[in-house]
C-alpha atoms as a PDB file:
ATOM      1  CA  MET A   1     -13.090  -6.642  -1.071  1.00  0.00           C
ATOM      2  CA  ARG A   2     -14.301  -5.226   1.495  1.00  0.00           C
ATOM      3  CA  VAL A   3     -13.418  -7.127   5.494  1.00  0.00           C
ATOM      4  CA  PRO A   4     -16.663  -8.429   6.246  1.00  0.00           C
ATOM      5  CA  SER A   5     -16.753  -6.910   9.535  1.00  0.00           C
ATOM      6  CA  SER A   6     -17.202  -3.640  11.434  1.00  0.00           C
ATOM      7  CA  ARG A   7     -13.852  -2.243  10.018  1.00  0.00           C
ATOM      8  CA  GLY A   8     -14.634  -2.762   6.711  1.00  0.00           C
ATOM      9  CA  SER A   9     -16.090   0.330   6.008  1.00  0.00           C
ATOM     10  CA  PHE A  10     -12.817   1.946   7.304  1.00  0.00           C
ATOM     11  CA  TRP A  11     -10.690  -0.054   5.129  1.00  0.00           C
ATOM     12  CA  ARG A  12     -12.279   1.024   2.241  1.00  0.00           C
ATOM     13  CA  THR A  13     -12.102   4.987   2.574  1.00  0.00           C
ATOM     14  CA  ASN A  14     -10.151   7.074  -0.001  1.00  0.00           C
ATOM     15  CA  ARG A  15      -8.255   9.187   3.290  1.00  0.00           C
ATOM     16  CA  LEU A  16      -7.229   5.519   4.192  1.00  0.00           C
ATOM     17  CA  ASP A  17      -6.065   4.042   0.658  1.00  0.00           C
ATOM     18  CA  ARG A  18      -3.945   7.210   0.108  1.00  0.00           C
ATOM     19  CA  TRP A  19      -2.488   7.212   3.558  1.00  0.00           C
ATOM     20  CA  ARG A  20      -1.547   3.587   2.822  1.00  0.00           C
ATOM     21  CA  ARG A  21       0.083   4.556  -0.294  1.00  0.00           C
ATOM     22  CA  LYS A  22       2.219   7.539   1.100  1.00  0.00           C
ATOM     23  CA  ILE A  23       3.996   6.404   3.830  1.00  0.00           C
ATOM     24  CA  SER A  24       6.862   3.572   3.894  1.00  0.00           C
ATOM     25  CA  HIS A  25       7.295   2.302   6.960  1.00  0.00           C
ATOM     26  CA  LEU A  26       5.783   1.924  10.056  1.00  0.00           C
ATOM     27  CA  VAL A  27       7.913   2.008  13.765  1.00  0.00           C
ATOM     28  CA  SER A  28       5.772  -1.027  15.027  1.00  0.00           C
ATOM     29  CA  VAL A  29       3.424  -3.569  13.663  1.00  0.00           C
ATOM     30  CA  GLN A  30      -0.442  -3.261  14.918  1.00  0.00           C
ATOM     31  CA  TYR A  31      -2.891  -3.517  11.891  1.00  0.00           C
ATOM     32  CA  PRO A  32      -2.798  -5.845   9.222  1.00  0.00           C
ATOM     33  CA  HIS A  33      -1.689  -2.845   6.963  1.00  0.00           C
ATOM     34  CA  ASP A  34       0.922  -2.181   8.340  1.00  0.00           C
ATOM     35  CA  LEU A  35       3.942  -2.635   6.379  1.00  0.00           C
ATOM     36  CA  LEU A  36       6.548  -5.852   6.936  1.00  0.00           C
ATOM     37  CA  PRO A  37       9.511  -6.116   4.936  1.00  0.00           C
ATOM     38  CA  VAL A  38       9.333  -9.670   2.909  1.00  0.00           C
ATOM     39  CA  PRO A  39      12.086 -12.590   2.178  1.00  0.00           C
ATOM     40  CA  GLU A  40      13.967 -12.079  -0.823  1.00  0.00           C
ATOM     41  CA  GLY A  41      13.290 -14.026  -3.638  1.00  0.00           C
ATOM     42  CA  PRO A  42      16.425 -16.738  -2.975  1.00  0.00           C
ATOM     43  CA  GLU A  43      14.724 -17.494   0.489  1.00  0.00           C
ATOM     44  CA  ILE A  44      11.735 -18.500  -1.188  1.00  0.00           C
ATOM     45  CA  LYS A  45      11.370 -21.614  -1.737  1.00  0.00           C
ATOM     46  CA  PRO A  46      10.318 -22.988  -4.543  1.00  0.00           C
ATOM     47  CA  GLY A  47      12.439 -20.749  -6.506  1.00  0.00           C
ATOM     48  CA  VAL A  48      10.884 -18.896  -9.808  1.00  0.00           C
ATOM     49  CA  THR A  49      12.583 -20.330 -13.410  1.00  0.00           C
ATOM     50  CA  ALA A  50      14.872 -18.796 -15.955  1.00  0.00           C
ATOM     51  CA  ASP A  51      11.608 -19.517 -18.313  1.00  0.00           C
ATOM     52  CA  GLN A  52       9.205 -18.071 -15.731  1.00  0.00           C
ATOM     53  CA  LEU A  53      11.501 -14.932 -14.917  1.00  0.00           C
ATOM     54  CA  GLY A  54      11.631 -14.288 -18.948  1.00  0.00           C
ATOM     55  CA  MET A  55       7.770 -14.072 -19.199  1.00  0.00           C
ATOM     56  CA  LEU A  56       8.032 -11.928 -15.650  1.00  0.00           C
ATOM     57  CA  LEU A  57      10.407  -9.572 -17.868  1.00  0.00           C
ATOM     58  CA  ALA A  58       8.920  -9.952 -20.947  1.00  0.00           C
ATOM     59  CA  ALA A  59       5.313  -8.257 -18.831  1.00  0.00           C
ATOM     60  CA  ALA A  60       7.697  -5.560 -17.923  1.00  0.00           C
ATOM     61  CA  THR A  61       8.630  -4.356 -21.006  1.00  0.00           C
ATOM     62  CA  VAL A  62       4.708  -4.296 -22.331  1.00  0.00           C
ATOM     63  CA  ALA A  63       3.880  -2.355 -18.783  1.00  0.00           C
ATOM     64  CA  LEU A  64       7.030   0.164 -19.837  1.00  0.00           C
ATOM     65  CA  LYS A  65       5.039   0.743 -23.454  1.00  0.00           C
ATOM     66  CA  VAL A  66       1.696   0.740 -22.593  1.00  0.00           C
ATOM     67  CA  GLU A  67      -0.419   3.433 -22.065  1.00  0.00           C
ATOM     68  CA  LEU A  68      -3.838   3.362 -20.038  1.00  0.00           C
ATOM     69  CA  SER A  69      -5.414   7.321 -20.387  1.00  0.00           C
ATOM     70  CA  ASN A  70      -8.519   5.055 -21.493  1.00  0.00           C
ATOM     71  CA  VAL A  71      -9.220   3.415 -18.590  1.00  0.00           C
ATOM     72  CA  ALA A  72      -7.801   6.548 -16.201  1.00  0.00           C
ATOM     73  CA  ASN A  73      -9.767   9.138 -18.007  1.00  0.00           C
ATOM     74  CA  LEU A  74     -13.579   7.208 -16.397  1.00  0.00           C
ATOM     75  CA  LEU A  75     -12.002   7.407 -13.127  1.00  0.00           C
ATOM     76  CA  PRO A  76     -14.199  10.701 -11.175  1.00  0.00           C
ATOM     77  CA  ASP A  77     -10.798  11.097  -8.896  1.00  0.00           C
ATOM     78  CA  PRO A  78      -7.309  12.677  -9.576  1.00  0.00           C
ATOM     79  CA  GLU A  79      -5.711  11.125  -7.567  1.00  0.00           C
ATOM     80  CA  ASP A  80      -7.282   7.323  -8.332  1.00  0.00           C
ATOM     81  CA  ALA A  81      -6.643   8.049 -11.892  1.00  0.00           C
ATOM     82  CA  ALA A  82      -3.265   8.552 -11.848  1.00  0.00           C
ATOM     83  CA  TYR A  83      -2.598   5.922 -10.150  1.00  0.00           C
ATOM     84  CA  VAL A  84      -3.719   3.701 -13.235  1.00  0.00           C
ATOM     85  CA  ASN A  85      -0.733   5.055 -15.242  1.00  0.00           C
ATOM     86  CA  THR A  86       2.130   5.030 -12.529  1.00  0.00           C
ATOM     87  CA  TRP A  87       4.634   2.451 -13.379  1.00  0.00           C
ATOM     88  CA  PRO A  88       6.794   1.615 -11.540  1.00  0.00           C
ATOM     89  CA  GLY A  89       4.740   2.020  -7.947  1.00  0.00           C
ATOM     90  CA  GLU A  90       1.181   0.592  -9.205  1.00  0.00           C
ATOM     91  CA  HIS A  91       0.245  -2.520 -10.965  1.00  0.00           C
ATOM     92  CA  TYR A  92      -2.024  -1.512 -13.447  1.00  0.00           C
ATOM     93  CA  ARG A  93       0.174  -1.265 -16.261  1.00  0.00           C
ATOM     94  CA  LEU A  94       1.989  -4.801 -15.175  1.00  0.00           C
ATOM     95  CA  LEU A  95      -1.218  -6.462 -14.971  1.00  0.00           C
ATOM     96  CA  ALA A  96      -1.789  -5.937 -18.975  1.00  0.00           C
ATOM     97  CA  GLY A  97       1.881  -7.011 -19.555  1.00  0.00           C
ATOM     98  CA  LEU A  98       0.528  -9.862 -18.050  1.00  0.00           C
ATOM     99  CA  ALA A  99      -2.758 -10.425 -19.969  1.00  0.00           C
ATOM    100  CA  GLU A 100      -0.273 -10.169 -23.027  1.00  0.00           C
ATOM    101  CA  VAL A 101       2.167 -12.009 -22.708  1.00  0.00           C
ATOM    102  CA  LEU A 102       0.191 -15.331 -21.506  1.00  0.00           C
ATOM    103  CA  GLY A 103      -2.390 -14.436 -23.917  1.00  0.00           C
ATOM    104  CA  ALA A 104      -5.100 -14.074 -21.627  1.00  0.00           C
ATOM    105  CA  ARG A 105      -8.385 -15.497 -22.580  1.00  0.00           C
ATOM    106  CA  GLU A 106      -9.938 -15.395 -19.007  1.00  0.00           C
ATOM    107  CA  VAL A 107      -9.189 -13.672 -16.142  1.00  0.00           C
ATOM    108  CA  VAL A 108     -10.375 -13.429 -12.830  1.00  0.00           C
ATOM    109  CA  GLU A 109     -10.332 -10.934 -10.214  1.00  0.00           C
ATOM    110  CA  VAL A 110     -10.529 -11.430  -6.535  1.00  0.00           C
ATOM    111  CA  GLY A 111     -11.925  -7.618  -5.285  1.00  0.00           C
ATOM    112  CA  THR A 112     -13.530  -5.324  -7.841  1.00  0.00           C
ATOM    113  CA  TYR A 113     -13.557  -1.618  -5.672  1.00  0.00           C
ATOM    114  CA  LYS A 114     -13.273   1.603  -8.575  1.00  0.00           C
ATOM    115  CA  GLY A 115     -13.032  -1.127 -11.466  1.00  0.00           C
ATOM    116  CA  GLY A 116      -9.782   0.012 -12.337  1.00  0.00           C
ATOM    117  CA  ALA A 117      -7.892  -3.473 -12.625  1.00  0.00           C
ATOM    118  CA  ALA A 118     -11.051  -5.051 -14.506  1.00  0.00           C
ATOM    119  CA  ALA A 119     -11.174  -2.021 -17.093  1.00  0.00           C
ATOM    120  CA  VAL A 120      -7.744  -2.211 -17.980  1.00  0.00           C
ATOM    121  CA  LEU A 121      -7.791  -6.537 -18.137  1.00  0.00           C
ATOM    122  CA  SER A 122     -10.795  -6.356 -20.207  1.00  0.00           C
ATOM    123  CA  GLU A 123      -9.240  -5.549 -23.071  1.00  0.00           C
ATOM    124  CA  ARG A 124      -6.934  -7.908 -23.121  1.00  0.00           C
ATOM    125  CA  CYS A 125      -9.149 -10.847 -22.674  1.00  0.00           C
ATOM    126  CA  GLU A 126     -12.191 -12.481 -23.886  1.00  0.00           C
ATOM    127  CA  LYS A 127     -13.918 -12.815 -20.329  1.00  0.00           C
ATOM    128  CA  VAL A 128     -13.368 -10.831 -16.678  1.00  0.00           C
ATOM    129  CA  THR A 129     -14.789 -11.977 -14.116  1.00  0.00           C
ATOM    130  CA  THR A 130     -14.451  -9.876 -10.997  1.00  0.00           C
ATOM    131  CA  PHE A 131     -15.830 -10.837  -7.161  1.00  0.00           C
ATOM    132  CA  ASP A 132     -16.453  -8.337  -4.156  1.00  0.00           C
ATOM    133  CA  ILE A 133     -19.035  -7.980  -1.731  1.00  0.00           C
ATOM    134  CA  VAL A 134     -20.183  -4.743  -2.626  1.00  0.00           C
ATOM    135  CA  PRO A 135     -21.546  -4.043  -6.063  1.00  0.00           C
ATOM    136  CA  ILE A 136     -19.532  -1.522  -7.983  1.00  0.00           C
ATOM    137  CA  GLU A 137     -22.218   1.191  -8.463  1.00  0.00           C
ATOM    138  CA  GLU A 138     -22.281   1.619  -4.318  1.00  0.00           C
ATOM    139  CA  ILE A 139     -18.285   2.185  -4.225  1.00  0.00           C
ATOM    140  CA  ASN A 140     -17.500   6.254  -4.295  1.00  0.00           C
ATOM    141  CA  ASP A 141     -15.657   7.678  -7.485  1.00  0.00           C
ATOM    142  CA  SER A 142     -15.861   4.447  -9.061  1.00  0.00           C
ATOM    143  CA  ILE A 143     -15.695   3.880 -12.786  1.00  0.00           C
ATOM    144  CA  SER A 144     -19.388   4.248 -13.972  1.00  0.00           C
ATOM    145  CA  ASP A 145     -21.630   1.940 -15.824  1.00  0.00           C
ATOM    146  CA  LEU A 146     -18.290  -0.828 -16.112  1.00  0.00           C
ATOM    147  CA  ILE A 147     -20.396  -3.454 -16.744  1.00  0.00           C
ATOM    148  CA  ILE A 148     -22.080  -1.442 -19.966  1.00  0.00           C
ATOM    149  CA  ARG A 149     -18.434  -0.056 -21.222  1.00  0.00           C
ATOM    150  CA  PHE A 150     -16.763  -3.232 -20.581  1.00  0.00           C
ATOM    151  CA  PRO A 151     -19.763  -5.788 -21.950  1.00  0.00           C
ATOM    152  CA  ASN A 152     -17.125  -8.772 -21.400  1.00  0.00           C
ATOM    153  CA  VAL A 153     -17.130  -7.808 -17.393  1.00  0.00           C
ATOM    154  CA  GLU A 154     -19.125  -9.927 -15.148  1.00  0.00           C
ATOM    155  CA  GLN A 155     -19.038  -8.341 -11.469  1.00  0.00           C
ATOM    156  CA  ILE A 156     -19.940 -11.660  -8.967  1.00  0.00           C
ATOM    157  CA  VAL A 157     -21.088  -9.749  -5.535  1.00  0.00           C
ATOM    158  CA  GLY A 158     -19.962 -12.429  -2.985  1.00  0.00           C
ATOM    159  CA  ASP A 159     -17.625 -13.208  -0.824  1.00  0.00           C
ATOM    160  CA  LEU A 160     -14.986 -16.680  -1.850  1.00  0.00           C
ATOM    161  CA  ALA A 161     -14.905 -17.189   1.689  1.00  0.00           C
ATOM    162  CA  MET A 162     -18.052 -17.896   1.999  1.00  0.00           C
ATOM    163  CA  PRO A 163     -19.170 -22.182   0.828  1.00  0.00           C
ATOM    164  CA  ASP A 164     -21.624 -21.074  -0.771  1.00  0.00           C
ATOM    165  CA  THR A 165     -20.352 -18.555  -2.880  1.00  0.00           C
ATOM    166  CA  TRP A 166     -17.015 -20.739  -3.690  1.00  0.00           C
ATOM    167  CA  ASN A 167     -19.312 -23.656  -4.689  1.00  0.00           C
ATOM    168  CA  LYS A 168     -21.810 -21.597  -6.760  1.00  0.00           C
ATOM    169  CA  HIS A 169     -18.637 -19.348  -8.539  1.00  0.00           C
ATOM    170  CA  SER A 170     -15.552 -20.654  -8.453  1.00  0.00           C
ATOM    171  CA  ALA A 171     -15.576 -22.854 -11.770  1.00  0.00           C
ATOM    172  CA  CYS A 172     -14.614 -19.657 -13.268  1.00  0.00           C
ATOM    173  CA  ILE A 173     -11.398 -19.823 -11.394  1.00  0.00           C
ATOM    174  CA  ARG A 174     -10.900 -23.117 -13.025  1.00  0.00           C
ATOM    175  CA  THR A 175     -10.341 -21.560 -16.689  1.00  0.00           C
ATOM    176  CA  ALA A 176      -8.516 -18.440 -16.256  1.00  0.00           C
ATOM    177  CA  GLU A 177      -5.442 -18.311 -17.166  1.00  0.00           C
ATOM    178  CA  LEU A 178      -4.790 -14.930 -14.891  1.00  0.00           C
ATOM    179  CA  VAL A 179      -5.936 -14.674 -11.718  1.00  0.00           C
ATOM    180  CA  PHE A 180      -5.509 -11.468  -9.568  1.00  0.00           C
ATOM    181  CA  VAL A 181      -6.392 -11.380  -5.426  1.00  0.00           C
ATOM    182  CA  ASP A 182      -6.604  -7.420  -4.230  1.00  0.00           C
ATOM    183  CA  GLY A 183      -8.511  -8.769  -1.380  1.00  0.00           C
ATOM    184  CA  PRO A 184      -8.955  -6.965   2.698  1.00  0.00           C
ATOM    185  CA  LYS A 185      -5.739  -8.065   3.605  1.00  0.00           C
ATOM    186  CA  ASP A 186      -7.149  -8.528   7.251  1.00  0.00           C
ATOM    187  CA  GLY A 187      -4.695 -11.657   7.880  1.00  0.00           C
ATOM    188  CA  VAL A 188      -8.106 -14.126   7.579  1.00  0.00           C
ATOM    189  CA  PHE A 189      -9.769 -13.864   4.090  1.00  0.00           C
ATOM    190  CA  GLU A 190      -6.104 -14.366   2.012  1.00  0.00           C
ATOM    191  CA  PRO A 191      -4.935 -17.647   4.723  1.00  0.00           C
ATOM    192  CA  ASN A 192      -8.789 -19.105   4.329  1.00  0.00           C
ATOM    193  CA  VAL A 193      -9.488 -18.315   0.086  1.00  0.00           C
ATOM    194  CA  VAL A 194      -5.946 -17.794  -2.037  1.00  0.00           C
ATOM    195  CA  PRO A 195      -4.184 -21.356  -0.978  1.00  0.00           C
ATOM    196  CA  ARG A 196      -7.581 -22.512  -2.151  1.00  0.00           C
ATOM    197  CA  ILE A 197      -7.758 -20.431  -5.207  1.00  0.00           C
ATOM    198  CA  ILE A 198      -3.867 -21.846  -6.187  1.00  0.00           C
ATOM    199  CA  SER A 199      -5.599 -25.653  -5.381  1.00  0.00           C
ATOM    200  CA  VAL A 200      -7.874 -25.306  -8.453  1.00  0.00           C
ATOM    201  CA  MET A 201      -5.966 -23.298 -10.969  1.00  0.00           C
ATOM    202  CA  LYS A 202      -4.988 -24.930 -13.977  1.00  0.00           C
ATOM    203  CA  PRO A 203      -1.142 -25.995 -14.916  1.00  0.00           C
ATOM    204  CA  GLY A 204       0.791 -23.016 -16.121  1.00  0.00           C
ATOM    205  CA  SER A 205      -1.900 -19.831 -15.044  1.00  0.00           C
ATOM    206  CA  VAL A 206      -0.004 -17.017 -13.172  1.00  0.00           C
ATOM    207  CA  LEU A 207      -2.020 -15.763  -9.846  1.00  0.00           C
ATOM    208  CA  VAL A 208      -0.597 -12.254  -8.852  1.00  0.00           C
ATOM    209  CA  LEU A 209      -1.296 -11.485  -4.834  1.00  0.00           C
ATOM    210  CA  ASP A 210      -1.656  -7.666  -4.326  1.00  0.00           C
ATOM    211  CA  ASP A 211      -0.343  -6.204  -1.165  1.00  0.00           C
ATOM    212  CA  ILE A 212       1.957  -8.911  -0.011  1.00  0.00           C
ATOM    213  CA  ARG A 213       3.977  -6.292   2.557  1.00  0.00           C
ATOM    214  CA  PHE A 214       1.509  -5.891   4.457  1.00  0.00           C
ATOM    215  CA  ALA A 215       1.294  -7.363   7.784  1.00  0.00           C
ATOM    216  CA  GLY A 216      -1.603  -9.260   7.219  1.00  0.00           C
ATOM    217  CA  MET A 217      -0.020 -11.106   4.315  1.00  0.00           C
ATOM    218  CA  ARG A 218       3.597 -11.738   5.401  1.00  0.00           C
ATOM    219  CA  ASP A 219       2.676 -15.461   7.432  1.00  0.00           C
ATOM    220  CA  LEU A 220       0.777 -16.889   3.684  1.00  0.00           C
ATOM    221  CA  TRP A 221       3.767 -15.164   1.274  1.00  0.00           C
ATOM    222  CA  ILE A 222       6.188 -17.280   3.221  1.00  0.00           C
ATOM    223  CA  GLY A 223       4.414 -20.745   4.805  1.00  0.00           C
ATOM    224  CA  GLY A 224       1.140 -20.354   3.294  1.00  0.00           C
ATOM    225  CA  ILE A 225       2.343 -20.766  -0.769  1.00  0.00           C
ATOM    226  CA  ASP A 226       4.100 -24.100  -1.947  1.00  0.00           C
ATOM    227  CA  ARG A 227       4.326 -23.106  -5.654  1.00  0.00           C
ATOM    228  CA  PRO A 228       7.275 -20.905  -7.261  1.00  0.00           C
ATOM    229  CA  ARG A 229       6.455 -17.026  -6.303  1.00  0.00           C
ATOM    230  CA  ILE A 230       8.519 -14.114  -6.241  1.00  0.00           C
ATOM    231  CA  ASP A 231       7.891 -10.104  -4.882  1.00  0.00           C
ATOM    232  CA  PHE A 232       7.731  -8.250  -8.497  1.00  0.00           C
ATOM    233  CA  GLY A 233       6.822  -5.069  -6.169  1.00  0.00           C
ATOM    234  CA  SER A 234      10.054  -3.069  -7.466  1.00  0.00           C
ATOM    235  CA  LEU A 235       8.541  -3.554 -11.132  1.00  0.00           C
ATOM    236  CA  GLY A 236       4.943  -3.021  -9.781  1.00  0.00           C
ATOM    237  CA  HIS A 237       2.626  -2.576  -6.200  1.00  0.00           C
ATOM    238  CA  TRP A 238       5.190  -0.381  -3.953  1.00  0.00           C
ATOM    239  CA  SER A 239       3.606  -2.719  -1.033  1.00  0.00           C
ATOM    240  CA  GLY A 240       4.551  -5.932  -2.761  1.00  0.00           C
ATOM    241  CA  THR A 241       3.389  -7.633  -6.261  1.00  0.00           C
ATOM    242  CA  GLY A 242       3.210 -11.357  -5.824  1.00  0.00           C
ATOM    243  CA  ILE A 243       3.523 -13.571  -8.471  1.00  0.00           C
ATOM    244  CA  ILE A 244       2.900 -17.416  -8.195  1.00  0.00           C
ATOM    245  CA  PHE A 245       3.243 -19.513 -10.567  1.00  0.00           C
ATOM    246  CA  VAL A 246       1.030 -22.518 -11.162  1.00  0.00           C
END
C-alpha cells in the first residue's frame, strides 16, 4: 500500500524497492525504511507457545518444498519473479506454508502492490481480499488481469486508516484465518491500523506483519502489540517477518 502523501510515489518505485532489498544496514536512521534490529524472541512478551512454534515449523516445512513458478512467471520483471521463489529471504513461500497449515479459507492482504502474494494465497484458500490505495492495473510490472486469472481474489481500493473504508470493508478481517499486512511502514499507517486489525480478528487466526525491522515499524512491534509474536525473518523476509498469534 502506498503512503497517502507526496512521498508515496517515491516509496513505490522499483529502484527504491531493489535498493532496500540489497542493503543490509545503515549507519544512521533518518527514514522509515532504514533498518534497525528488533528484540530477540525471549524479550517479546507474551511469548509464543510450543504449539504455536510447532505450527510455524510446519509452515516452514511446507515452504521448503513448495514451488511457485506458476505465479513467478506472471510477473514481467525478472527480479520480481525471482523474489517469489526465493526462500529464505522472501516471504512468498512462507505465506503459502502458513495458509496450508492453517487450512485458511479466507485471507486478507493489506497492500496488493504487484499482486504476487495475492496470487500465491489465492491458490491455497477460497477467498483473498486484498486492499490497496491504487488499483493493481495502475502499478507498473504488476500481474496483468490478476482478478481474471484468480477469480477468488477481490481488490478493494481504499485506505483502511480512513474510517469510511474501515467501516465499509473490515468485516472480511473478522472472518479471515490469515491476515498479511505489507503497508507503507511510514510510522503512521501501521500503528494506527494494525492494533485495530488485531482487535477484530477471530481467535486462532494469524497476522503476518512484513518489514518489522524497518525503523518505522520498531515501536509498533516492541510496544504496540499485546499478543504472542515472533520475528520469523530468518525463515521469511530478510527485513523481518512478524508472526502474531491472535
